[in-house]
Amino acid sequence: MALSKGLRFFDLFAELELEYSGKVTEFAGAKVDVGAGGLSAAGAAKSGLYFSATREGVGDVGAKVSASHVAAAVPVGPLPFGIALERESESSVSFVPF
């Protein structure tokens, strides 16, 4: 589940990830979207802090940066969807020493 609120290109966001194993991860921060209307290429970047916990307690706390780029999007006739090729990369730094 993701929530997002902000201005034109700059947004604040919060994501909540729930796993069947009981792990919960919250990722919140700033997001930038770059797109050019009807053009087929677009990109986005997110940066913020994350917190994860399991049934046993706090799992991890740190900072994360992720970026995605849609290289090509092809509309499927008059249908309201298409086929896209997306590439995503993510990097994180844990503040919890192991």
N, C-alpha and C. Protein backbone atom coordinates (compact mmCIF):
# COMPACT_ATOMS: atom_id res chain seq x y z
N MET A 1 0.85 -1.16 0.00
CA MET A 1 0.00 0.00 0.00
C MET A 1 0.90 1.23 0.00
N ALA A 2 0.61 2.19 -0.84
CA ALA A 2 1.42 3.40 -0.92
C ALA A 2 0.53 4.62 -0.89
N LEU A 3 0.96 5.62 -0.15
CA LEU A 3 0.27 6.90 -0.11
C LEU A 3 1.23 7.96 -0.62
N SER A 4 0.71 8.94 -1.32
CA SER A 4 1.55 9.98 -1.87
C SER A 4 0.79 11.30 -1.89
N LYS A 5 1.44 12.39 -1.51
CA LYS A 5 0.81 13.69 -1.54
C LYS A 5 1.89 14.74 -1.77
N GLY A 6 1.65 15.68 -2.70
CA GLY A 6 2.64 16.71 -2.92
C GLY A 6 2.32 17.61 -4.09
N LEU A 7 3.36 18.26 -4.58
CA LEU A 7 3.25 19.20 -5.68
C LEU A 7 3.60 18.53 -6.99
N ARG A 8 3.77 19.29 -8.04
CA ARG A 8 4.03 18.80 -9.40
C ARG A 8 5.00 17.62 -9.49
N PHE A 9 6.29 17.88 -9.31
CA PHE A 9 7.31 16.83 -9.49
C PHE A 9 7.78 16.25 -8.17
N PHE A 10 7.57 16.97 -7.08
CA PHE A 10 8.07 16.58 -5.76
C PHE A 10 6.90 16.12 -4.90
N ASP A 11 6.99 14.93 -4.35
CA ASP A 11 5.93 14.37 -3.51
C ASP A 11 6.52 13.83 -2.22
N LEU A 12 5.70 13.78 -1.21
CA LEU A 12 6.01 13.03 0.00
C LEU A 12 5.25 11.72 -0.11
N PHE A 13 5.83 10.62 0.38
CA PHE A 13 5.18 9.33 0.23
C PHE A 13 5.40 8.49 1.48
N ALA A 14 4.56 7.47 1.61
CA ALA A 14 4.72 6.46 2.66
C ALA A 14 4.27 5.12 2.07
N GLU A 15 5.07 4.09 2.26
CA GLU A 15 4.74 2.75 1.78
C GLU A 15 4.75 1.79 2.96
N LEU A 16 3.78 0.91 3.00
CA LEU A 16 3.70 -0.12 4.03
C LEU A 16 3.70 -1.48 3.36
N GLU A 17 4.65 -2.32 3.74
CA GLU A 17 4.76 -3.67 3.16
C GLU A 17 4.52 -4.69 4.25
N LEU A 18 3.56 -5.57 4.02
CA LEU A 18 3.24 -6.63 4.97
C LEU A 18 3.55 -7.97 4.32
N GLU A 19 4.30 -8.82 5.01
CA GLU A 19 4.64 -10.14 4.49
C GLU A 19 3.92 -11.22 5.29
N TYR A 20 3.68 -12.36 4.66
CA TYR A 20 3.02 -13.48 5.33
C TYR A 20 3.80 -13.98 6.53
N SER A 21 5.10 -13.80 6.52
CA SER A 21 5.94 -14.26 7.62
C SER A 21 5.75 -13.41 8.88
N GLY A 22 5.05 -12.28 8.75
CA GLY A 22 4.85 -11.40 9.90
C GLY A 22 5.73 -10.16 9.87
N LYS A 23 6.60 -10.06 8.90
CA LYS A 23 7.49 -8.90 8.80
C LYS A 23 6.70 -7.70 8.25
N VAL A 24 6.91 -6.54 8.87
CA VAL A 24 6.27 -5.30 8.46
C VAL A 24 7.36 -4.28 8.17
N THR A 25 7.29 -3.61 7.02
CA THR A 25 8.27 -2.59 6.66
C THR A 25 7.56 -1.31 6.27
N GLU A 26 7.99 -0.19 6.85
CA GLU A 26 7.47 1.14 6.53
C GLU A 26 8.61 1.92 5.87
N PHE A 27 8.34 2.51 4.72
CA PHE A 27 9.32 3.31 3.98
C PHE A 27 8.66 4.65 3.68
N ALA A 28 9.24 5.75 4.16
CA ALA A 28 8.64 7.08 3.97
C ALA A 28 9.73 8.09 3.64
N GLY A 29 9.36 9.07 2.80
CA GLY A 29 10.33 10.10 2.45
C GLY A 29 9.83 10.96 1.31
N ALA A 30 10.77 11.37 0.45
CA ALA A 30 10.47 12.25 -0.67
C ALA A 30 10.59 11.48 -1.98
N LYS A 31 9.79 11.89 -2.96
CA LYS A 31 9.75 11.21 -4.26
C LYS A 31 9.72 12.26 -5.37
N VAL A 32 10.43 11.99 -6.45
CA VAL A 32 10.45 12.87 -7.62
C VAL A 32 10.05 12.05 -8.84
N ASP A 33 9.05 12.52 -9.58
CA ASP A 33 8.60 11.87 -10.82
C ASP A 33 8.95 12.76 -12.00
N VAL A 34 9.49 12.14 -13.05
CA VAL A 34 9.81 12.87 -14.27
C VAL A 34 9.15 12.16 -15.43
N GLY A 35 8.30 12.85 -16.13
CA GLY A 35 7.62 12.31 -17.28
C GLY A 35 7.34 13.44 -18.26
N ALA A 36 7.08 13.10 -19.47
CA ALA A 36 6.85 14.13 -20.48
C ALA A 36 5.55 13.87 -21.21
N GLY A 37 4.46 13.98 -20.49
CA GLY A 37 3.14 13.86 -21.12
C GLY A 37 2.96 12.55 -21.85
N GLY A 38 2.79 12.62 -23.16
CA GLY A 38 2.53 11.43 -23.96
C GLY A 38 3.77 10.69 -24.43
N LEU A 39 4.97 11.14 -24.04
CA LEU A 39 6.19 10.45 -24.46
C LEU A 39 6.30 9.11 -23.75
N SER A 40 7.06 8.22 -24.33
CA SER A 40 7.13 6.85 -23.82
C SER A 40 8.17 6.64 -22.72
N ALA A 41 8.98 7.63 -22.39
CA ALA A 41 10.00 7.45 -21.36
C ALA A 41 9.64 8.27 -20.12
N ALA A 42 9.91 7.72 -18.95
CA ALA A 42 9.64 8.40 -17.69
C ALA A 42 10.56 7.82 -16.63
N GLY A 43 10.70 8.55 -15.51
CA GLY A 43 11.54 8.06 -14.43
C GLY A 43 11.04 8.57 -13.09
N ALA A 44 11.50 7.92 -12.03
CA ALA A 44 11.12 8.32 -10.68
C ALA A 44 12.24 7.94 -9.73
N ALA A 45 12.36 8.70 -8.64
CA ALA A 45 13.34 8.41 -7.60
C ALA A 45 12.70 8.64 -6.25
N LYS A 46 13.02 7.75 -5.29
CA LYS A 46 12.51 7.86 -3.93
C LYS A 46 13.69 7.81 -2.96
N SER A 47 13.61 8.61 -1.91
CA SER A 47 14.64 8.62 -0.89
C SER A 47 13.98 8.82 0.46
N GLY A 48 14.40 8.06 1.46
CA GLY A 48 13.79 8.22 2.77
C GLY A 48 14.32 7.23 3.79
N LEU A 49 13.60 7.13 4.88
CA LEU A 49 13.97 6.24 5.97
C LEU A 49 13.04 5.03 5.99
N TYR A 50 13.56 3.90 6.43
CA TYR A 50 12.73 2.71 6.54
C TYR A 50 12.87 2.10 7.93
N PHE A 51 11.83 1.38 8.32
CA PHE A 51 11.77 0.71 9.60
C PHE A 51 11.10 -0.63 9.37
N SER A 52 11.72 -1.71 9.81
CA SER A 52 11.09 -3.02 9.67
C SER A 52 11.07 -3.72 11.01
N ALA A 53 10.02 -4.51 11.20
CA ALA A 53 9.87 -5.25 12.45
C ALA A 53 9.28 -6.62 12.14
N THR A 54 9.61 -7.58 12.99
CA THR A 54 9.05 -8.93 12.91
C THR A 54 8.32 -9.20 14.21
N ARG A 55 7.82 -10.40 14.35
CA ARG A 55 7.13 -10.77 15.59
C ARG A 55 8.05 -10.74 16.80
N GLU A 56 9.35 -10.87 16.55
CA GLU A 56 10.33 -10.86 17.64
C GLU A 56 10.73 -9.46 18.06
N GLY A 57 10.42 -8.42 17.27
CA GLY A 57 10.80 -7.05 17.61
C GLY A 57 11.32 -6.31 16.39
N VAL A 58 12.09 -5.26 16.65
CA VAL A 58 12.64 -4.42 15.58
C VAL A 58 13.63 -5.22 14.76
N GLY A 59 13.44 -5.21 13.44
CA GLY A 59 14.32 -5.94 12.56
C GLY A 59 15.44 -5.08 12.01
N ASP A 60 15.10 -3.87 11.52
CA ASP A 60 16.09 -3.03 10.87
C ASP A 60 15.57 -1.59 10.79
N VAL A 61 16.49 -0.65 10.84
CA VAL A 61 16.20 0.77 10.66
C VAL A 61 17.31 1.32 9.79
N GLY A 62 16.94 2.14 8.79
CA GLY A 62 17.98 2.69 7.93
C GLY A 62 17.45 3.67 6.91
N ALA A 63 18.30 3.96 5.93
CA ALA A 63 17.95 4.87 4.84
C ALA A 63 17.96 4.09 3.54
N LYS A 64 17.06 4.47 2.63
CA LYS A 64 16.95 3.75 1.36
C LYS A 64 16.76 4.75 0.22
N VAL A 65 17.34 4.43 -0.93
CA VAL A 65 17.16 5.20 -2.16
C VAL A 65 16.78 4.22 -3.25
N SER A 66 15.74 4.54 -4.01
CA SER A 66 15.37 3.69 -5.14
C SER A 66 15.07 4.56 -6.35
N ALA A 67 15.36 4.03 -7.51
CA ALA A 67 15.12 4.75 -8.76
C ALA A 67 14.54 3.78 -9.77
N SER A 68 13.63 4.28 -10.59
CA SER A 68 13.05 3.46 -11.65
C SER A 68 12.98 4.27 -12.93
N HIS A 69 13.03 3.55 -14.04
CA HIS A 69 13.02 4.19 -15.35
C HIS A 69 12.20 3.32 -16.30
N VAL A 70 11.22 3.91 -16.93
CA VAL A 70 10.45 3.20 -17.95
C VAL A 70 11.10 3.52 -19.29
N ALA A 71 11.72 2.50 -19.89
CA ALA A 71 12.46 2.70 -21.13
C ALA A 71 11.54 2.82 -22.33
N ALA A 72 10.46 2.07 -22.34
CA ALA A 72 9.55 2.11 -23.49
C ALA A 72 8.17 1.68 -23.04
N ALA A 73 7.17 2.36 -23.53
CA ALA A 73 5.78 2.00 -23.26
C ALA A 73 5.03 1.97 -24.58
N VAL A 74 4.33 0.88 -24.81
CA VAL A 74 3.60 0.71 -26.07
C VAL A 74 2.11 0.58 -25.76
N PRO A 75 1.28 1.50 -26.26
CA PRO A 75 -0.16 1.36 -26.03
C PRO A 75 -0.71 0.17 -26.81
N VAL A 76 -1.77 -0.44 -26.27
CA VAL A 76 -2.41 -1.58 -26.92
C VAL A 76 -3.71 -1.09 -27.53
N GLY A 77 -3.63 -0.65 -28.77
CA GLY A 77 -4.81 -0.15 -29.50
C GLY A 77 -5.57 0.89 -28.72
N PRO A 78 -6.90 0.81 -28.71
CA PRO A 78 -7.70 1.81 -28.00
C PRO A 78 -7.90 1.48 -26.53
N LEU A 79 -7.26 0.41 -26.04
CA LEU A 79 -7.43 0.00 -24.65
C LEU A 79 -6.73 0.99 -23.71
N PRO A 80 -7.20 1.13 -22.47
CA PRO A 80 -6.62 2.11 -21.54
C PRO A 80 -5.36 1.63 -20.83
N PHE A 81 -4.66 0.65 -21.39
CA PHE A 81 -3.41 0.17 -20.80
C PHE A 81 -2.44 -0.19 -21.92
N GLY A 82 -1.21 -0.47 -21.54
CA GLY A 82 -0.20 -0.82 -22.53
C GLY A 82 0.83 -1.75 -21.94
N ILE A 83 1.90 -1.97 -22.67
CA ILE A 83 2.99 -2.83 -22.25
C ILE A 83 4.21 -1.94 -22.04
N ALA A 84 4.89 -2.08 -20.90
CA ALA A 84 6.03 -1.22 -20.59
C ALA A 84 7.23 -2.07 -20.14
N LEU A 85 8.42 -1.55 -20.41
CA LEU A 85 9.67 -2.15 -19.96
C LEU A 85 10.22 -1.23 -18.88
N GLU A 86 10.26 -1.72 -17.64
CA GLU A 86 10.70 -0.89 -16.52
C GLU A 86 11.93 -1.48 -15.86
N ARG A 87 12.85 -0.60 -15.47
CA ARG A 87 14.06 -1.01 -14.79
C ARG A 87 14.10 -0.30 -13.43
N GLU A 88 14.41 -1.05 -12.38
CA GLU A 88 14.42 -0.46 -11.04
C GLU A 88 15.67 -0.87 -10.30
N SER A 89 16.24 0.07 -9.56
CA SER A 89 17.40 -0.23 -8.72
C SER A 89 17.16 0.34 -7.33
N GLU A 90 17.76 -0.30 -6.34
CA GLU A 90 17.53 0.11 -4.95
C GLU A 90 18.80 -0.08 -4.15
N SER A 91 19.05 0.84 -3.21
CA SER A 91 20.21 0.75 -2.34
C SER A 91 19.77 1.17 -0.95
N SER A 92 20.27 0.48 0.07
CA SER A 92 19.91 0.85 1.44
C SER A 92 21.12 0.77 2.35
N VAL A 93 21.05 1.55 3.42
CA VAL A 93 22.09 1.56 4.45
C VAL A 93 21.41 1.35 5.79
N SER A 94 21.83 0.34 6.51
CA SER A 94 21.24 0.01 7.81
C SER A 94 21.92 0.81 8.92
N PHE A 95 21.12 1.33 9.85
CA PHE A 95 21.66 2.02 11.01
C PHE A 95 21.82 1.09 12.21
N VAL A 96 21.35 -0.16 12.07
CA VAL A 96 21.40 -1.12 13.16
C VAL A 96 22.66 -1.98 13.00
N PRO A 97 23.61 -1.90 13.94
CA PRO A 97 24.82 -2.73 13.84
C PRO A 97 24.53 -4.19 14.13
N PHE A 98 25.19 -5.08 13.39
CA PHE A 98 25.02 -6.53 13.59
C PHE A 98 26.30 -7.13 14.07
